[in-house]
Amino acid sequence: MNEGTSAERGVQRCPCGSGDVFGACCGPILAGRPAPTAERLMRSRYTAFAIGDTAYLRRSWHPSTRPASIELDPDVRWLRLDILAKSAGGPFDAEGIVEFEAIHRDASGRGVLHERSRFMREDGNWFYVDGEVS
């Protein structure tokens, strides 16, 4: 999904695997609409990785743990996101956890990133805090 204009992306299936089109799913969140839940933020961050939107990745990272810069590997192609479990992270929660697997392919073949991510909501906005990779 790295190719095509933002208008073309808007009518394609969202990379996050929700089954919805990008323009009705993660597109508005990447454009600035607050994610309503920690899971939706997780899905939008996966989509940002898939389309190479490093600016969104930085904006959605909590300031206390945000890196100075983000370098994405252009040889990594993100293929699928599977949400395995979630705890709290709803519209009225202050914190949440989302466990996921992100399947990717690079020069060495297929790989799986398994992470249990922590999220925090401040002033109505969810932020990625950190994650435990296993």
C-alpha atoms as a PDB file:
ATOM      1  CA  MET A   1       0.000   0.000   0.000  1.00  0.00           C
ATOM      2  CA  ASN A   2       3.009   2.292  -0.219  1.00  0.00           C
ATOM      3  CA  GLU A   3       2.009   3.174  -3.744  1.00  0.00           C
ATOM      4  CA  GLY A   4      -0.790   5.365  -4.990  1.00  0.00           C
ATOM      5  CA  THR A   5      -2.169   8.731  -4.030  1.00  0.00           C
ATOM      6  CA  SER A   6      -3.999   9.350  -0.776  1.00  0.00           C
ATOM      7  CA  ALA A   7      -7.266   9.440  -2.777  1.00  0.00           C
ATOM      8  CA  GLU A   8      -6.504   5.989  -4.228  1.00  0.00           C
ATOM      9  CA  ARG A   9      -5.628   4.703  -0.754  1.00  0.00           C
ATOM     10  CA  GLY A  10      -8.961   5.987   0.562  1.00  0.00           C
ATOM     11  CA  VAL A  11     -10.916   3.388  -1.428  1.00  0.00           C
ATOM     12  CA  GLN A  12      -8.533   0.461  -0.897  1.00  0.00           C
ATOM     13  CA  ARG A  13      -8.882  -1.997   1.992  1.00  0.00           C
ATOM     14  CA  CYS A  14      -7.184  -0.713   5.111  1.00  0.00           C
ATOM     15  CA  PRO A  15      -3.861  -2.442   5.852  1.00  0.00           C
ATOM     16  CA  CYS A  16      -4.901  -2.934   9.507  1.00  0.00           C
ATOM     17  CA  GLY A  17      -7.129  -5.862   8.542  1.00  0.00           C
ATOM     18  CA  SER A  18     -10.408  -4.447   9.817  1.00  0.00           C
ATOM     19  CA  GLY A  19     -12.086  -5.231   6.491  1.00  0.00           C
ATOM     20  CA  ASP A  20     -13.067  -1.585   6.005  1.00  0.00           C
ATOM     21  CA  VAL A  21     -11.624   0.798   3.417  1.00  0.00           C
ATOM     22  CA  PHE A  22      -8.694   3.008   4.406  1.00  0.00           C
ATOM     23  CA  GLY A  23     -10.745   6.207   4.063  1.00  0.00           C
ATOM     24  CA  ALA A  24     -13.315   4.999   6.611  1.00  0.00           C
ATOM     25  CA  CYS A  25     -10.879   3.215   8.927  1.00  0.00           C
ATOM     26  CA  CYS A  26      -7.334   4.341   9.697  1.00  0.00           C
ATOM     27  CA  GLY A  27      -7.179   7.156   7.131  1.00  0.00           C
ATOM     28  CA  PRO A  28      -9.072   9.700   9.263  1.00  0.00           C
ATOM     29  CA  ILE A  29      -6.998   8.799  12.347  1.00  0.00           C
ATOM     30  CA  LEU A  30      -3.730   9.238  10.462  1.00  0.00           C
ATOM     31  CA  ALA A  31      -5.099  12.588   9.256  1.00  0.00           C
ATOM     32  CA  GLY A  32      -5.677  13.815  12.832  1.00  0.00           C
ATOM     33  CA  ARG A  33      -8.943  12.391  14.170  1.00  0.00           C
ATOM     34  CA  PRO A  34      -8.371  10.930  17.667  1.00  0.00           C
ATOM     35  CA  ALA A  35      -8.479   7.139  17.903  1.00  0.00           C
ATOM     36  CA  PRO A  36     -11.441   6.163  20.126  1.00  0.00           C
ATOM     37  CA  THR A  37      -9.681   3.144  21.684  1.00  0.00           C
ATOM     38  CA  ALA A  38      -6.199   1.768  22.269  1.00  0.00           C
ATOM     39  CA  GLU A  39      -6.885  -0.973  19.716  1.00  0.00           C
ATOM     40  CA  ARG A  40      -7.814   1.569  17.049  1.00  0.00           C
ATOM     41  CA  LEU A  41      -4.597   3.452  17.793  1.00  0.00           C
ATOM     42  CA  MET A  42      -2.678   0.170  17.481  1.00  0.00           C
ATOM     43  CA  ARG A  43      -4.338  -0.525  14.130  1.00  0.00           C
ATOM     44  CA  SER A  44      -3.594   2.995  12.878  1.00  0.00           C
ATOM     45  CA  ARG A  45       0.055   2.678  13.925  1.00  0.00           C
ATOM     46  CA  TYR A  46       0.343  -0.633  12.072  1.00  0.00           C
ATOM     47  CA  THR A  47      -1.150   1.103   9.018  1.00  0.00           C
ATOM     48  CA  ALA A  48       1.373   3.939   9.392  1.00  0.00           C
ATOM     49  CA  PHE A  49       4.192   1.372   9.351  1.00  0.00           C
ATOM     50  CA  ALA A  50       2.647  -0.269   6.272  1.00  0.00           C
ATOM     51  CA  ILE A  51       2.410   2.988   4.299  1.00  0.00           C
ATOM     52  CA  GLY A  52       5.566   4.617   5.689  1.00  0.00           C
ATOM     53  CA  ASP A  53       3.960   7.477   7.643  1.00  0.00           C
ATOM     54  CA  THR A  54       6.736   8.242  10.154  1.00  0.00           C
ATOM     55  CA  ALA A  55       5.232  11.632  11.061  1.00  0.00           C
ATOM     56  CA  TYR A  56       2.088   9.903  12.376  1.00  0.00           C
ATOM     57  CA  LEU A  57       4.147   7.304  14.225  1.00  0.00           C
ATOM     58  CA  ARG A  58       5.951  10.114  16.084  1.00  0.00           C
ATOM     59  CA  ARG A  59       2.710  12.025  16.809  1.00  0.00           C
ATOM     60  CA  SER A  60       1.016   8.917  18.210  1.00  0.00           C
ATOM     61  CA  TRP A  61       3.981   8.013  20.449  1.00  0.00           C
ATOM     62  CA  HIS A  62       3.749   9.275  24.036  1.00  0.00           C
ATOM     63  CA  PRO A  63       6.159  12.206  24.586  1.00  0.00           C
ATOM     64  CA  SER A  64       7.775  10.437  27.563  1.00  0.00           C
ATOM     65  CA  THR A  65       9.037   7.567  25.393  1.00  0.00           C
ATOM     66  CA  ARG A  66       9.000   9.084  21.861  1.00  0.00           C
ATOM     67  CA  PRO A  67      12.266   8.610  19.956  1.00  0.00           C
ATOM     68  CA  ALA A  68      13.961  11.627  18.392  1.00  0.00           C
ATOM     69  CA  SER A  69      13.521  10.107  14.950  1.00  0.00           C
ATOM     70  CA  ILE A  70      12.088   7.008  13.315  1.00  0.00           C
ATOM     71  CA  GLU A  71      13.814   5.184  10.481  1.00  0.00           C
ATOM     72  CA  LEU A  72      11.723   2.581   8.653  1.00  0.00           C
ATOM     73  CA  ASP A  73      13.383  -0.230   6.734  1.00  0.00           C
ATOM     74  CA  PRO A  74      12.261   0.190   3.105  1.00  0.00           C
ATOM     75  CA  ASP A  75      12.798  -3.546   2.508  1.00  0.00           C
ATOM     76  CA  VAL A  76      10.175  -4.564   5.086  1.00  0.00           C
ATOM     77  CA  ARG A  77       6.699  -5.163   3.666  1.00  0.00           C
ATOM     78  CA  TRP A  78       3.963  -5.422   6.320  1.00  0.00           C
ATOM     79  CA  LEU A  79       1.479  -8.143   5.354  1.00  0.00           C
ATOM     80  CA  ARG A  80      -1.044  -8.642   8.163  1.00  0.00           C
ATOM     81  CA  LEU A  81      -2.001  -7.564  11.667  1.00  0.00           C
ATOM     82  CA  ASP A  82      -3.606  -9.985  14.115  1.00  0.00           C
ATOM     83  CA  ILE A  83      -4.945  -8.646  17.420  1.00  0.00           C
ATOM     84  CA  LEU A  84      -4.471 -11.445  19.977  1.00  0.00           C
ATOM     85  CA  ALA A  85      -5.765  -9.835  23.179  1.00  0.00           C
ATOM     86  CA  LYS A  86      -6.620  -6.502  24.731  1.00  0.00           C
ATOM     87  CA  SER A  87      -7.108  -5.226  28.251  1.00  0.00           C
ATOM     88  CA  ALA A  88      -8.937  -1.978  29.027  1.00  0.00           C
ATOM     89  CA  GLY A  89      -8.148   0.679  26.427  1.00  0.00           C
ATOM     90  CA  GLY A  90     -11.776   1.660  25.874  1.00  0.00           C
ATOM     91  CA  PRO A  91     -13.161   5.150  25.285  1.00  0.00           C
ATOM     92  CA  PHE A  92     -13.383   5.880  29.029  1.00  0.00           C
ATOM     93  CA  ASP A  93     -10.135   4.206  30.154  1.00  0.00           C
ATOM     94  CA  ALA A  94      -6.863   6.006  30.868  1.00  0.00           C
ATOM     95  CA  GLU A  95      -4.662   3.021  29.974  1.00  0.00           C
ATOM     96  CA  GLY A  96      -4.827  -0.044  27.808  1.00  0.00           C
ATOM     97  CA  ILE A  97      -2.851  -3.004  26.568  1.00  0.00           C
ATOM     98  CA  VAL A  98      -3.039  -4.570  23.114  1.00  0.00           C
ATOM     99  CA  GLU A  99      -1.236  -7.788  22.253  1.00  0.00           C
ATOM    100  CA  PHE A 100      -0.688  -8.377  18.559  1.00  0.00           C
ATOM    101  CA  GLU A 101       1.274 -10.134  15.879  1.00  0.00           C
ATOM    102  CA  ALA A 102       2.394  -8.219  12.811  1.00  0.00           C
ATOM    103  CA  ILE A 103       3.446 -10.415   9.925  1.00  0.00           C
ATOM    104  CA  HIS A 104       6.034  -9.005   7.542  1.00  0.00           C
ATOM    105  CA  ARG A 105       8.371  -9.987   4.746  1.00  0.00           C
ATOM    106  CA  ASP A 106      11.884  -8.735   4.099  1.00  0.00           C
ATOM    107  CA  ALA A 107      14.984  -9.896   2.238  1.00  0.00           C
ATOM    108  CA  SER A 108      15.464 -12.811   4.658  1.00  0.00           C
ATOM    109  CA  GLY A 109      11.867 -14.037   4.307  1.00  0.00           C
ATOM    110  CA  ARG A 110       8.719 -13.937   6.374  1.00  0.00           C
ATOM    111  CA  GLY A 111       8.775 -12.788   9.989  1.00  0.00           C
ATOM    112  CA  VAL A 112       6.422 -12.143  12.880  1.00  0.00           C
ATOM    113  CA  LEU A 113       6.624  -9.309  15.378  1.00  0.00           C
ATOM    114  CA  HIS A 114       4.800 -10.334  18.573  1.00  0.00           C
ATOM    115  CA  GLU A 115       4.302  -7.447  20.990  1.00  0.00           C
ATOM    116  CA  ARG A 116       2.286  -6.565  24.063  1.00  0.00           C
ATOM    117  CA  SER A 117       1.901  -2.784  23.746  1.00  0.00           C
ATOM    118  CA  ARG A 118       0.971  -0.271  26.450  1.00  0.00           C
ATOM    119  CA  PHE A 119      -1.154   2.758  25.641  1.00  0.00           C
ATOM    120  CA  MET A 120      -2.138   5.846  27.614  1.00  0.00           C
ATOM    121  CA  ARG A 121      -4.985   8.282  27.007  1.00  0.00           C
ATOM    122  CA  GLU A 122      -4.425  11.954  27.806  1.00  0.00           C
ATOM    123  CA  ASP A 123      -6.774  14.828  26.990  1.00  0.00           C
ATOM    124  CA  GLY A 124      -8.907  12.487  24.874  1.00  0.00           C
ATOM    125  CA  ASN A 125      -5.978  11.218  22.787  1.00  0.00           C
ATOM    126  CA  TRP A 126      -4.483   7.733  22.909  1.00  0.00           C
ATOM    127  CA  PHE A 127      -0.697   7.371  22.739  1.00  0.00           C
ATOM    128  CA  TYR A 128       1.613   4.386  22.329  1.00  0.00           C
ATOM    129  CA  VAL A 129       3.876   4.218  25.404  1.00  0.00           C
ATOM    130  CA  ASP A 130       6.018   1.118  24.926  1.00  0.00           C
ATOM    131  CA  GLY A 131       5.873  -2.574  24.211  1.00  0.00           C
ATOM    132  CA  GLU A 132       7.227  -5.903  25.298  1.00  0.00           C
ATOM    133  CA  VAL A 133       8.427  -7.871  22.299  1.00  0.00           C
ATOM    134  CA  SER A 134       8.514 -11.647  22.567  1.00  0.00           C
END
